[in-house]
PDB file of N, CA and C in Angstrom:
ATOM      1  N   UNK A   1     -51.668  31.322 178.930  1.00  0.00           N
ATOM      2  CA  UNK A   1     -52.348  32.720 178.997  1.00  0.00           C
ATOM      3  C   UNK A   1     -51.690  33.662 178.190  1.00  0.00           C
ATOM      4  N   UNK A   2     -52.476  34.756 177.988  1.00  0.00           N
ATOM      5  CA  UNK A   2     -51.920  35.984 177.123  1.00  0.00           C
ATOM      6  C   UNK A   2     -52.130  37.197 177.990  1.00  0.00           C
ATOM      7  N   UNK A   3     -50.967  38.086 177.726  1.00  0.00           N
ATOM      8  CA  UNK A   3     -51.300  39.399 178.500  1.00  0.00           C
ATOM      9  C   UNK A   3     -51.912  40.431 177.489  1.00  0.00           C
ATOM     10  N   UNK A   4     -52.729  41.222 178.102  1.00  0.00           N
ATOM     11  CA  UNK A   4     -53.366  42.262 177.389  1.00  0.00           C
ATOM     12  C   UNK A   4     -53.246  43.476 178.210  1.00  0.00           C
ATOM     13  N   UNK A   5     -53.084  44.586 177.372  1.00  0.00           N
ATOM     14  CA  UNK A   5     -53.156  45.904 177.998  1.00  0.00           C
ATOM     15  C   UNK A   5     -54.546  46.730 177.818  1.00  0.00           C
ATOM     16  N   UNK A   6     -55.022  47.040 179.044  1.00  0.00           N
ATOM     17  CA  UNK A   6     -56.369  47.888 178.811  1.00  0.00           C
ATOM     18  C   UNK A   6     -55.970  49.096 179.345  1.00  0.00           C
ATOM     19  N   UNK A   7     -56.313  50.086 178.406  1.00  0.00           N
ATOM     20  CA  UNK A   7     -55.924  51.404 178.495  1.00  0.00           C
ATOM     21  C   UNK A   7     -57.022  52.448 178.174  1.00  0.00           C
ATOM     22  N   UNK A   8     -56.852  53.802 178.735  1.00  0.00           N
ATOM     23  CA  UNK A   8     -57.947  54.721 178.451  1.00  0.00           C
ATOM     24  C   UNK A   8     -57.194  56.107 178.053  1.00  0.00           C
ATOM     25  N   UNK A   9     -57.677  56.894 177.454  1.00  0.00           N
ATOM     26  CA  UNK A   9     -57.322  58.256 177.160  1.00  0.00           C
ATOM     27  C   UNK A   9     -57.774  59.097 178.401  1.00  0.00           C
ATOM     28  N   UNK A  10     -56.795  59.922 178.744  1.00  0.00           N
ATOM     29  CA  UNK A  10     -57.230  60.966 179.996  1.00  0.00           C
ATOM     30  C   UNK A  10     -58.267  61.714 179.566  1.00  0.00           C
ATOM     31  N   UNK A  11     -58.625  62.000 178.395  1.00  0.00           N
ATOM     32  CA  UNK A  11     -59.537  62.925 177.988  1.00  0.00           C
ATOM     33  C   UNK A  11     -61.091  62.265 178.143  1.00  0.00           C
ATOM     34  N   UNK A  12     -61.018  60.937 178.337  1.00  0.00           N
ATOM     35  CA  UNK A  12     -62.261  60.326 178.590  1.00  0.00           C
ATOM     36  C   UNK A  12     -63.031  60.189 179.887  1.00  0.00           C
ATOM     37  N   UNK A  13     -62.134  60.899 180.822  1.00  0.00           N
ATOM     38  CA  UNK A  13     -62.570  60.671 182.238  1.00  0.00           C
ATOM     39  C   UNK A  13     -63.200  62.185 182.437  1.00  0.00           C
ATOM     40  N   UNK A  14     -64.408  62.165 182.309  1.00  0.00           N
ATOM     41  CA  UNK A  14     -65.233  63.344 182.382  1.00  0.00           C
ATOM     42  C   UNK A  14     -66.137  63.551 183.621  1.00  0.00           C
ATOM     43  N   UNK A  15     -66.069  62.850 184.416  1.00  0.00           N
ATOM     44  CA  UNK A  15     -67.034  62.805 185.707  1.00  0.00           C
ATOM     45  C   UNK A  15     -66.409  64.191 186.476  1.00  0.00           C
ATOM     46  N   UNK A  16     -67.402  64.668 187.337  1.00  0.00           N
ATOM     47  CA  UNK A  16     -67.143  65.709 188.183  1.00  0.00           C
ATOM     48  C   UNK A  16     -65.994  65.405 189.119  1.00  0.00           C
ATOM     49  N   UNK A  17     -65.208  66.561 189.448  1.00  0.00           N
ATOM     50  CA  UNK A  17     -63.877  66.111 190.321  1.00  0.00           C
ATOM     51  C   UNK A  17     -64.339  65.667 191.761  1.00  0.00           C
ATOM     52  N   UNK A  18     -65.459  66.103 192.178  1.00  0.00           N
ATOM     53  CA  UNK A  18     -66.013  65.478 193.573  1.00  0.00           C
ATOM     54  C   UNK A  18     -66.262  64.069 193.500  1.00  0.00           C
ATOM     55  N   UNK A  19     -66.357  63.242 192.316  1.00  0.00           N
ATOM     56  CA  UNK A  19     -66.630  62.023 192.203  1.00  0.00           C
ATOM     57  C   UNK A  19     -65.177  61.259 192.211  1.00  0.00           C
ATOM     58  N   UNK A  20     -64.092  61.880 192.366  1.00  0.00           N
ATOM     59  CA  UNK A  20     -62.759  61.119 192.124  1.00  0.00           C
ATOM     60  C   UNK A  20     -62.677  60.210 193.245  1.00  0.00           C
ATOM     61  N   UNK A  21     -62.983  60.559 194.425  1.00  0.00           N
ATOM     62  CA  UNK A  21     -62.726  59.582 195.504  1.00  0.00           C
ATOM     63  C   UNK A  21     -63.637  58.186 195.402  1.00  0.00           C
ATOM     64  N   UNK A  22     -64.770  58.272 194.758  1.00  0.00           N
ATOM     65  CA  UNK A  22     -65.640  57.157 194.582  1.00  0.00           C
ATOM     66  C   UNK A  22     -65.006  56.339 193.549  1.00  0.00           C
ATOM     67  N   UNK A  23     -64.529  57.149 192.423  1.00  0.00           N
ATOM     68  CA  UNK A  23     -64.039  56.329 191.246  1.00  0.00           C
ATOM     69  C   UNK A  23     -62.621  55.547 191.703  1.00  0.00           C
ATOM     70  N   UNK A  24     -62.038  56.181 192.469  1.00  0.00           N
ATOM     71  CA  UNK A  24     -60.657  55.702 192.925  1.00  0.00           C
ATOM     72  C   UNK A  24     -61.048  54.410 193.887  1.00  0.00           C
ATOM     73  N   UNK A  25     -61.925  54.560 194.524  1.00  0.00           N
ATOM     74  CA  UNK A  25     -62.373  53.333 195.310  1.00  0.00           C
ATOM     75  C   UNK A  25     -62.831  52.171 194.641  1.00  0.00           C
ATOM     76  N   UNK A  26     -63.619  52.412 193.546  1.00  0.00           N
ATOM     77  CA  UNK A  26     -64.265  51.652 192.638  1.00  0.00           C
ATOM     78  C   UNK A  26     -63.209  50.876 191.827  1.00  0.00           C
ATOM     79  N   UNK A  27     -62.194  51.607 191.449  1.00  0.00           N
ATOM     80  CA  UNK A  27     -61.064  51.279 190.451  1.00  0.00           C
ATOM     81  C   UNK A  27     -60.131  50.249 191.420  1.00  0.00           C
ATOM     82  N   UNK A  28     -59.987  50.692 192.692  1.00  0.00           N
ATOM     83  CA  UNK A  28     -59.130  49.842 193.542  1.00  0.00           C
ATOM     84  C   UNK A  28     -59.739  48.402 193.692  1.00  0.00           C
ATOM     85  N   UNK A  29     -61.222  48.500 193.987  1.00  0.00           N
ATOM     86  CA  UNK A  29     -61.833  47.208 194.226  1.00  0.00           C
ATOM     87  C   UNK A  29     -61.628  46.309 193.068  1.00  0.00           C
ATOM     88  N   UNK A  30     -61.572  46.812 191.759  1.00  0.00           N
ATOM     89  CA  UNK A  30     -61.469  46.027 190.501  1.00  0.00           C
ATOM     90  C   UNK A  30     -60.044  45.419 190.590  1.00  0.00           C
ATOM     91  N   UNK A  31     -59.056  46.092 191.015  1.00  0.00           N
ATOM     92  CA  UNK A  31     -57.585  45.854 191.074  1.00  0.00           C
ATOM     93  C   UNK A  31     -57.570  44.661 192.091  1.00  0.00           C
ATOM     94  N   UNK A  32     -58.322  44.673 193.159  1.00  0.00           N
ATOM     95  CA  UNK A  32     -58.127  43.674 194.073  1.00  0.00           C
ATOM     96  C   UNK A  32     -58.839  42.488 193.758  1.00  0.00           C
ATOM     97  N   UNK A  33     -59.983  42.599 193.036  1.00  0.00           N
ATOM     98  CA  UNK A  33     -60.690  41.357 192.470  1.00  0.00           C
ATOM     99  C   UNK A  33     -59.799  40.784 191.371  1.00  0.00           C
ATOM    100  N   UNK A  34     -59.098  41.444 190.634  1.00  0.00           N
ATOM    101  CA  UNK A  34     -58.124  40.916 189.598  1.00  0.00           C
ATOM    102  C   UNK A  34     -56.905  40.202 190.254  1.00  0.00           C
ATOM    103  N   UNK A  35     -56.362  40.833 191.268  1.00  0.00           N
ATOM    104  CA  UNK A  35     -55.351  40.146 191.995  1.00  0.00           C
ATOM    105  C   UNK A  35     -55.849  38.868 192.717  1.00  0.00           C
ATOM    106  N   UNK A  36     -56.965  38.897 193.249  1.00  0.00           N
ATOM    107  CA  UNK A  36     -57.442  37.561 193.663  1.00  0.00           C
ATOM    108  C   UNK A  36     -57.805  36.517 192.878  1.00  0.00           C
ATOM    109  N   UNK A  37     -58.149  37.028 191.489  1.00  0.00           N
ATOM    110  CA  UNK A  37     -58.334  36.013 190.468  1.00  0.00           C
ATOM    111  C   UNK A  37     -57.076  35.578 189.796  1.00  0.00           C
ATOM    112  N   UNK A  38     -55.845  36.161 190.080  1.00  0.00           N
ATOM    113  CA  UNK A  38     -54.565  35.891 189.841  1.00  0.00           C
ATOM    114  C   UNK A  38     -54.359  36.350 188.380  1.00  0.00           C
ATOM    115  N   UNK A  39     -55.020  37.395 187.906  1.00  0.00           N
ATOM    116  CA  UNK A  39     -54.835  37.872 186.451  1.00  0.00           C
ATOM    117  C   UNK A  39     -54.074  39.352 186.411  1.00  0.00           C
ATOM    118  N   UNK A  40     -53.835  39.839 187.573  1.00  0.00           N
ATOM    119  CA  UNK A  40     -53.447  41.176 187.608  1.00  0.00           C
ATOM    120  C   UNK A  40     -51.903  41.093 187.406  1.00  0.00           C
ATOM    121  N   UNK A  41     -51.337  41.691 186.491  1.00  0.00           N
ATOM    122  CA  UNK A  41     -49.796  41.935 186.141  1.00  0.00           C
ATOM    123  C   UNK A  41     -49.262  43.218 186.749  1.00  0.00           C
ATOM    124  N   UNK A  42     -49.912  44.362 186.361  1.00  0.00           N
ATOM    125  CA  UNK A  42     -49.417  45.732 186.627  1.00  0.00           C
ATOM    126  C   UNK A  42     -50.455  46.716 186.201  1.00  0.00           C
ATOM    127  N   UNK A  43     -50.376  47.818 186.755  1.00  0.00           N
ATOM    128  CA  UNK A  43     -51.218  48.928 186.379  1.00  0.00           C
ATOM    129  C   UNK A  43     -50.849  50.250 186.954  1.00  0.00           C
ATOM    130  N   UNK A  44     -51.146  51.409 186.228  1.00  0.00           N
ATOM    131  CA  UNK A  44     -50.654  52.563 186.731  1.00  0.00           C
ATOM    132  C   UNK A  44     -51.541  53.562 186.086  1.00  0.00           C
ATOM    133  N   UNK A  45     -51.848  54.854 186.745  1.00  0.00           N
ATOM    134  CA  UNK A  45     -52.431  56.028 186.203  1.00  0.00           C
ATOM    135  C   UNK A  45     -51.026  56.809 185.672  1.00  0.00           C
ATOM    136  N   UNK A  46     -51.170  57.635 184.674  1.00  0.00           N
ATOM    137  CA  UNK A  46     -50.184  58.491 184.279  1.00  0.00           C
ATOM    138  C   UNK A  46     -50.527  60.124 184.574  1.00  0.00           C
ATOM    139  N   UNK A  47     -49.515  60.722 184.910  1.00  0.00           N
ATOM    140  CA  UNK A  47     -49.650  62.188 185.291  1.00  0.00           C
ATOM    141  C   UNK A  47     -49.989  62.867 183.825  1.00  0.00           C
ATOM    142  N   UNK A  48     -50.822  63.766 183.735  1.00  0.00           N
ATOM    143  CA  UNK A  48     -51.261  64.383 182.579  1.00  0.00           C
ATOM    144  C   UNK A  48     -50.012  65.287 182.210  1.00  0.00           C
ATOM    145  N   UNK A  49     -49.347  64.852 181.087  1.00  0.00           N
ATOM    146  CA  UNK A  49     -48.321  65.551 180.721  1.00  0.00           C
ATOM    147  C   UNK A  49     -48.045  65.405 179.148  1.00  0.00           C
ATOM    148  N   UNK A  50     -47.376  66.197 178.566  1.00  0.00           N
ATOM    149  CA  UNK A  50     -46.813  65.919 177.143  1.00  0.00           C
ATOM    150  C   UNK A  50     -45.792  64.965 177.280  1.00  0.00           C
ATOM    151  N   UNK A  51     -45.627  63.896 176.551  1.00  0.00           N
ATOM    152  CA  UNK A  51     -44.536  63.055 176.796  1.00  0.00           C
ATOM    153  C   UNK A  51     -43.118  63.638 175.984  1.00  0.00           C
ATOM    154  N   UNK A  52     -42.003  63.234 176.461  1.00  0.00           N
ATOM    155  CA  UNK A  52     -40.699  63.418 175.795  1.00  0.00           C
ATOM    156  C   UNK A  52     -40.600  62.309 174.719  1.00  0.00           C
ATOM    157  N   UNK A  53     -40.276  62.759 173.503  1.00  0.00           N
ATOM    158  CA  UNK A  53     -40.160  61.894 172.460  1.00  0.00           C
ATOM    159  C   UNK A  53     -38.721  61.707 171.994  1.00  0.00           C
ATOM    160  N   UNK A  54     -38.207  60.472 172.014  1.00  0.00           N
ATOM    161  CA  UNK A  54     -36.705  60.222 171.658  1.00  0.00           C
ATOM    162  C   UNK A  54     -36.743  59.510 170.443  1.00  0.00           C
ATOM    163  N   UNK A  55     -36.173  60.219 169.454  1.00  0.00           N
ATOM    164  CA  UNK A  55     -35.981  59.689 168.025  1.00  0.00           C
ATOM    165  C   UNK A  55     -34.864  58.615 168.026  1.00  0.00           C
ATOM    166  N   UNK A  56     -34.865  58.029 166.936  1.00  0.00           N
ATOM    167  CA  UNK A  56     -34.138  56.978 166.734  1.00  0.00           C
ATOM    168  C   UNK A  56     -32.493  57.413 166.799  1.00  0.00           C
ATOM    169  N   UNK A  57     -32.348  58.773 166.370  1.00  0.00           N
ATOM    170  CA  UNK A  57     -30.958  59.315 166.310  1.00  0.00           C
ATOM    171  C   UNK A  57     -30.616  59.865 167.882  1.00  0.00           C
ATOM    172  N   UNK A  58     -31.496  59.638 168.883  1.00  0.00           N
ATOM    173  CA  UNK A  58     -31.221  60.063 170.118  1.00  0.00           C
ATOM    174  C   UNK A  58     -31.742  61.381 170.552  1.00  0.00           C
ATOM    175  N   UNK A  59     -32.210  62.253 169.548  1.00  0.00           N
ATOM    176  CA  UNK A  59     -32.570  63.501 169.818  1.00  0.00           C
ATOM    177  C   UNK A  59     -33.896  63.447 170.639  1.00  0.00           C
ATOM    178  N   UNK A  60     -34.102  64.290 171.576  1.00  0.00           N
ATOM    179  CA  UNK A  60     -35.347  64.498 172.527  1.00  0.00           C
ATOM    180  C   UNK A  60     -35.974  65.860 172.035  1.00  0.00           C
ATOM    181  N   UNK A  61     -37.427  65.550 171.954  1.00  0.00           N
ATOM    182  CA  UNK A  61     -38.214  66.705 171.729  1.00  0.00           C
ATOM    183  C   UNK A  61     -39.421  66.539 172.800  1.00  0.00           C
ATOM    184  N   UNK A  62     -39.976  67.671 173.148  1.00  0.00           N
ATOM    185  CA  UNK A  62     -41.058  67.550 174.211  1.00  0.00           C
ATOM    186  C   UNK A  62     -42.249  67.566 173.607  1.00  0.00           C
ATOM    187  N   UNK A  63     -43.240  66.711 174.018  1.00  0.00           N
ATOM    188  CA  UNK A  63     -44.607  66.794 173.533  1.00  0.00           C
ATOM    189  C   UNK A  63     -44.867  65.535 172.380  1.00  0.00           C
ATOM    190  N   UNK A  64     -46.236  65.162 172.157  1.00  0.00           N
ATOM    191  CA  UNK A  64     -46.588  64.289 171.205  1.00  0.00           C
ATOM    192  C   UNK A  64     -46.360  65.004 169.797  1.00  0.00           C
ATOM    193  N   UNK A  65     -46.568  63.988 168.870  1.00  0.00           N
ATOM    194  CA  UNK A  65     -46.484  64.643 167.556  1.00  0.00           C
ATOM    195  C   UNK A  65     -47.654  65.642 167.401  1.00  0.00           C
ATOM    196  N   UNK A  66     -47.345  66.658 166.599  1.00  0.00           N
ATOM    197  CA  UNK A  66     -48.489  67.810 166.656  1.00  0.00           C
ATOM    198  C   UNK A  66     -49.906  67.341 166.261  1.00  0.00           C
ATOM    199  N   UNK A  67     -50.133  66.205 165.414  1.00  0.00           N
ATOM    200  CA  UNK A  67     -51.384  65.712 164.888  1.00  0.00           C
ATOM    201  C   UNK A  67     -52.088  64.962 166.057  1.00  0.00           C
ATOM    202  N   UNK A  68     -51.271  64.683 167.358  1.00  0.00           N
ATOM    203  CA  UNK A  68     -51.781  63.723 168.271  1.00  0.00           C
ATOM    204  C   UNK A  68     -52.593  64.568 169.317  1.00  0.00           C
ATOM    205  N   UNK A  69     -53.804  64.248 169.700  1.00  0.00           N
ATOM    206  CA  UNK A  69     -54.641  64.966 170.526  1.00  0.00           C
ATOM    207  C   UNK A  69     -54.896  64.151 171.810  1.00  0.00           C
ATOM    208  N   UNK A  70     -54.342  62.795 171.795  1.00  0.00           N
ATOM    209  CA  UNK A  70     -54.691  61.790 172.773  1.00  0.00           C
ATOM    210  C   UNK A  70     -53.443  61.760 173.552  1.00  0.00           C
ATOM    211  N   UNK A  71     -53.807  61.573 174.981  1.00  0.00           N
ATOM    212  CA  UNK A  71     -52.780  61.269 175.905  1.00  0.00           C
ATOM    213  C   UNK A  71     -53.268  59.996 176.677  1.00  0.00           C
ATOM    214  N   UNK A  72     -52.255  59.139 176.912  1.00  0.00           N
ATOM    215  CA  UNK A  72     -52.627  57.902 177.678  1.00  0.00           C
ATOM    216  C   UNK A  72     -52.936  58.445 179.111  1.00  0.00           C
ATOM    217  N   UNK A  73     -54.023  57.950 179.565  1.00  0.00           N
ATOM    218  CA  UNK A  73     -54.306  58.417 181.066  1.00  0.00           C
ATOM    219  C   UNK A  73     -53.961  57.241 181.973  1.00  0.00           C
ATOM    220  N   UNK A  74     -54.076  55.942 181.537  1.00  0.00           N
ATOM    221  CA  UNK A  74     -53.651  54.930 182.639  1.00  0.00           C
ATOM    222  C   UNK A  74     -53.775  53.518 181.858  1.00  0.00           C
ATOM    223  N   UNK A  75     -53.218  52.528 182.521  1.00  0.00           N
ATOM    224  CA  UNK A  75     -53.462  51.237 181.852  1.00  0.00           C
ATOM    225  C   UNK A  75     -53.364  50.241 182.998  1.00  0.00           C
ATOM    226  N   UNK A  76     -53.677  49.135 182.577  1.00  0.00           N
ATOM    227  CA  UNK A  76     -53.591  47.819 183.365  1.00  0.00           C
ATOM    228  C   UNK A  76     -53.223  46.667 182.521  1.00  0.00           C
ATOM    229  N   UNK A  77     -52.547  45.791 182.807  1.00  0.00           N
ATOM    230  CA  UNK A  77     -52.006  44.520 182.162  1.00  0.00           C
ATOM    231  C   UNK A  77     -52.400  43.405 182.974  1.00  0.00           C
ATOM    232  N   UNK A  78     -53.172  42.566 182.193  1.00  0.00           N
ATOM    233  CA  UNK A  78     -53.762  41.358 182.833  1.00  0.00           C
ATOM    234  C   UNK A  78     -53.408  40.263 182.158  1.00  0.00           C
ATOM    235  N   UNK A  79     -53.151  39.134 182.702  1.00  0.00           N
ATOM    236  CA  UNK A  79     -52.773  37.865 181.919  1.00  0.00           C
ATOM    237  C   UNK A  79     -53.991  36.905 182.087  1.00  0.00           C
ATOM    238  N   UNK A  80     -54.512  36.666 180.991  1.00  0.00           N
ATOM    239  CA  UNK A  80     -55.785  35.996 181.060  1.00  0.00           C
ATOM    240  C   UNK A  80     -55.760  34.844 179.939  1.00  0.00           C
ATOM    241  N   UNK A  81     -56.867  33.887 179.806  1.00  0.00           N
ATOM    242  CA  UNK A  81     -56.729  32.862 178.814  1.00  0.00           C
ATOM    243  C   UNK A  81     -57.104  33.246 177.493  1.00  0.00           C
ATOM    244  N   UNK A  82     -58.016  34.557 177.347  1.00  0.00           N
ATOM    245  CA  UNK A  82     -58.608  34.690 176.079  1.00  0.00           C
ATOM    246  C   UNK A  82     -58.893  36.133 176.040  1.00  0.00           C
ATOM    247  N   UNK A  83     -59.072  36.593 174.615  1.00  0.00           N
ATOM    248  CA  UNK A  83     -59.584  38.038 174.482  1.00  0.00           C
ATOM    249  C   UNK A  83     -60.722  38.388 175.211  1.00  0.00           C
ATOM    250  N   UNK A  84     -61.760  37.428 175.173  1.00  0.00           N
ATOM    251  CA  UNK A  84     -62.916  37.494 175.731  1.00  0.00           C
ATOM    252  C   UNK A  84     -62.829  37.913 177.459  1.00  0.00           C
ATOM    253  N   UNK A  85     -61.795  37.289 177.902  1.00  0.00           N
ATOM    254  CA  UNK A  85     -61.623  37.468 179.424  1.00  0.00           C
ATOM    255  C   UNK A  85     -61.149  38.576 179.655  1.00  0.00           C
ATOM    256  N   UNK A  86     -60.243  39.127 178.744  1.00  0.00           N
ATOM    257  CA  UNK A  86     -59.734  40.579 178.875  1.00  0.00           C
ATOM    258  C   UNK A  86     -60.656  41.698 178.475  1.00  0.00           C
ATOM    259  N   UNK A  87     -61.839  41.286 177.570  1.00  0.00           N
ATOM    260  CA  UNK A  87     -62.821  42.368 177.413  1.00  0.00           C
ATOM    261  C   UNK A  87     -63.737  42.283 178.766  1.00  0.00           C
ATOM    262  N   UNK A  88     -63.852  41.287 179.564  1.00  0.00           N
ATOM    263  CA  UNK A  88     -64.499  41.213 180.620  1.00  0.00           C
ATOM    264  C   UNK A  88     -64.102  41.962 181.623  1.00  0.00           C
ATOM    265  N   UNK A  89     -62.711  41.905 181.803  1.00  0.00           N
ATOM    266  CA  UNK A  89     -61.857  42.848 182.881  1.00  0.00           C
ATOM    267  C   UNK A  89     -62.008  44.319 182.385  1.00  0.00           C
ATOM    268  N   UNK A  90     -61.906  44.496 181.108  1.00  0.00           N
ATOM    269  CA  UNK A  90     -61.939  46.030 180.602  1.00  0.00           C
ATOM    270  C   UNK A  90     -63.327  46.537 180.918  1.00  0.00           C
ATOM    271  N   UNK A  91     -64.292  45.657 180.876  1.00  0.00           N
ATOM    272  CA  UNK A  91     -65.768  46.170 181.310  1.00  0.00           C
ATOM    273  C   UNK A  91     -65.877  46.592 182.684  1.00  0.00           C
ATOM    274  N   UNK A  92     -65.091  45.862 183.378  1.00  0.00           N
ATOM    275  CA  UNK A  92     -65.152  46.094 184.836  1.00  0.00           C
ATOM    276  C   UNK A  92     -64.499  47.342 185.216  1.00  0.00           C
ATOM    277  N   UNK A  93     -63.259  47.454 184.537  1.00  0.00           N
ATOM    278  CA  UNK A  93     -62.555  48.698 184.702  1.00  0.00           C
ATOM    279  C   UNK A  93     -63.241  49.978 184.076  1.00  0.00           C
ATOM    280  N   UNK A  94     -63.977  49.799 183.049  1.00  0.00           N
ATOM    281  CA  UNK A  94     -64.752  50.907 182.435  1.00  0.00           C
ATOM    282  C   UNK A  94     -65.795  51.348 183.456  1.00  0.00           C
ATOM    283  N   UNK A  95     -66.582  50.443 183.887  1.00  0.00           N
ATOM    284  CA  UNK A  95     -67.677  50.818 184.845  1.00  0.00           C
ATOM    285  C   UNK A  95     -67.075  51.510 186.131  1.00  0.00           C
ATOM    286  N   UNK A  96     -66.021  50.978 186.686  1.00  0.00           N
ATOM    287  CA  UNK A  96     -65.358  51.628 187.970  1.00  0.00           C
ATOM    288  C   UNK A  96     -64.887  53.054 187.577  1.00  0.00           C
ATOM    289  N   UNK A  97     -64.095  53.179 186.614  1.00  0.00           N
ATOM    290  CA  UNK A  97     -63.394  54.294 186.118  1.00  0.00           C
ATOM    291  C   UNK A  97     -64.354  55.278 185.327  1.00  0.00           C
ATOM    292  N   UNK A  98     -65.628  54.809 185.073  1.00  0.00           N
ATOM    293  CA  UNK A  98     -66.472  55.731 184.267  1.00  0.00           C
ATOM    294  C   UNK A  98     -65.934  56.272 182.950  1.00  0.00           C
ATOM    295  N   UNK A  99     -65.282  55.423 182.206  1.00  0.00           N
ATOM    296  CA  UNK A  99     -64.769  55.669 180.842  1.00  0.00           C
ATOM    297  C   UNK A  99     -64.378  54.593 180.096  1.00  0.00           C
ATOM    298  N   UNK A 100     -64.337  54.758 178.863  1.00  0.00           N
ATOM    299  CA  UNK A 100     -64.310  53.599 177.846  1.00  0.00           C
ATOM    300  C   UNK A 100     -62.705  52.983 178.089  1.00  0.00           C
ATOM    301  N   UNK A 101     -62.668  51.914 177.816  1.00  0.00           N
ATOM    302  CA  UNK A 101     -61.286  51.296 177.988  1.00  0.00           C
ATOM    303  C   UNK A 101     -61.021  50.805 176.284  1.00  0.00           C
ATOM    304  N   UNK A 102     -59.748  50.845 175.998  1.00  0.00           N
ATOM    305  CA  UNK A 102     -59.291  49.957 174.834  1.00  0.00           C
ATOM    306  C   UNK A 102     -58.456  48.725 175.430  1.00  0.00           C
ATOM    307  N   UNK A 103     -58.407  47.784 174.571  1.00  0.00           N
ATOM    308  CA  UNK A 103     -57.882  46.470 174.817  1.00  0.00           C
ATOM    309  C   UNK A 103     -56.900  46.083 173.581  1.00  0.00           C
ATOM    310  N   UNK A 104     -55.749  45.829 174.101  1.00  0.00           N
ATOM    311  CA  UNK A 104     -54.670  45.457 173.271  1.00  0.00           C
ATOM    312  C   UNK A 104     -53.869  44.211 173.510  1.00  0.00           C
ATOM    313  N   UNK A 105     -53.810  43.201 172.667  1.00  0.00           N
ATOM    314  CA  UNK A 105     -53.079  42.059 172.934  1.00  0.00           C
ATOM    315  C   UNK A 105     -51.559  42.292 172.800  1.00  0.00           C
ATOM    316  N   UNK A 106     -50.927  41.813 174.009  1.00  0.00           N
ATOM    317  CA  UNK A 106     -49.406  42.021 173.996  1.00  0.00           C
ATOM    318  C   UNK A 106     -48.747  40.986 173.269  1.00  0.00           C
ATOM    319  N   UNK A 107     -47.736  41.314 172.534  1.00  0.00           N
ATOM    320  CA  UNK A 107     -46.835  39.976 171.976  1.00  0.00           C
ATOM    321  C   UNK A 107     -46.261  39.306 173.228  1.00  0.00           C
ATOM    322  N   UNK A 108     -46.093  38.040 173.082  1.00  0.00           N
ATOM    323  CA  UNK A 108     -45.448  37.247 173.972  1.00  0.00           C
ATOM    324  C   UNK A 108     -43.843  37.715 174.283  1.00  0.00           C
ATOM    325  N   UNK A 109     -43.601  37.534 175.518  1.00  0.00           N
ATOM    326  CA  UNK A 109     -42.269  37.638 176.038  1.00  0.00           C
ATOM    327  C   UNK A 109     -41.240  36.546 175.287  1.00  0.00           C
ATOM    328  N   UNK A 110     -40.468  36.855 174.529  1.00  0.00           N
ATOM    329  CA  UNK A 110     -39.469  35.962 173.648  1.00  0.00           C
ATOM    330  C   UNK A 110     -38.486  35.235 174.468  1.00  0.00           C
ATOM    331  N   UNK A 111     -38.431  35.722 175.841  1.00  0.00           N
ATOM    332  CA  UNK A 111     -37.486  34.852 176.774  1.00  0.00           C
ATOM    333  C   UNK A 111     -38.272  34.081 177.732  1.00  0.00           C
ATOM    334  N   UNK A 112     -39.665  34.025 177.545  1.00  0.00           N
ATOM    335  CA  UNK A 112     -40.336  33.259 178.395  1.00  0.00           C
ATOM    336  C   UNK A 112     -40.524  31.828 178.229  1.00  0.00           C
TER     337      UNK A 112
END
């Protein structure tokens, strides 16, 4: 099995604020489906904020690089047999969250 990160930009969530309870319920239903299917590893939404950037010399600056306009809004990690399966879960999340999802294959754990 291979792990994939399914993520979205927080700017992509453009539904009306009053729809948030329905979106949250739908997203939790997908999480429960993924748990029942045995593919759920971890997921979280991120508080909208500019990240702190730690340079290789240890210096810390606030905020993303100036040219960056995107902020990660949330992500899920699934462990599935194929990219196609990851895309199927991403589609379910996209429908539930009402926003496009990006799918990234994670490198294997070298200690596993």
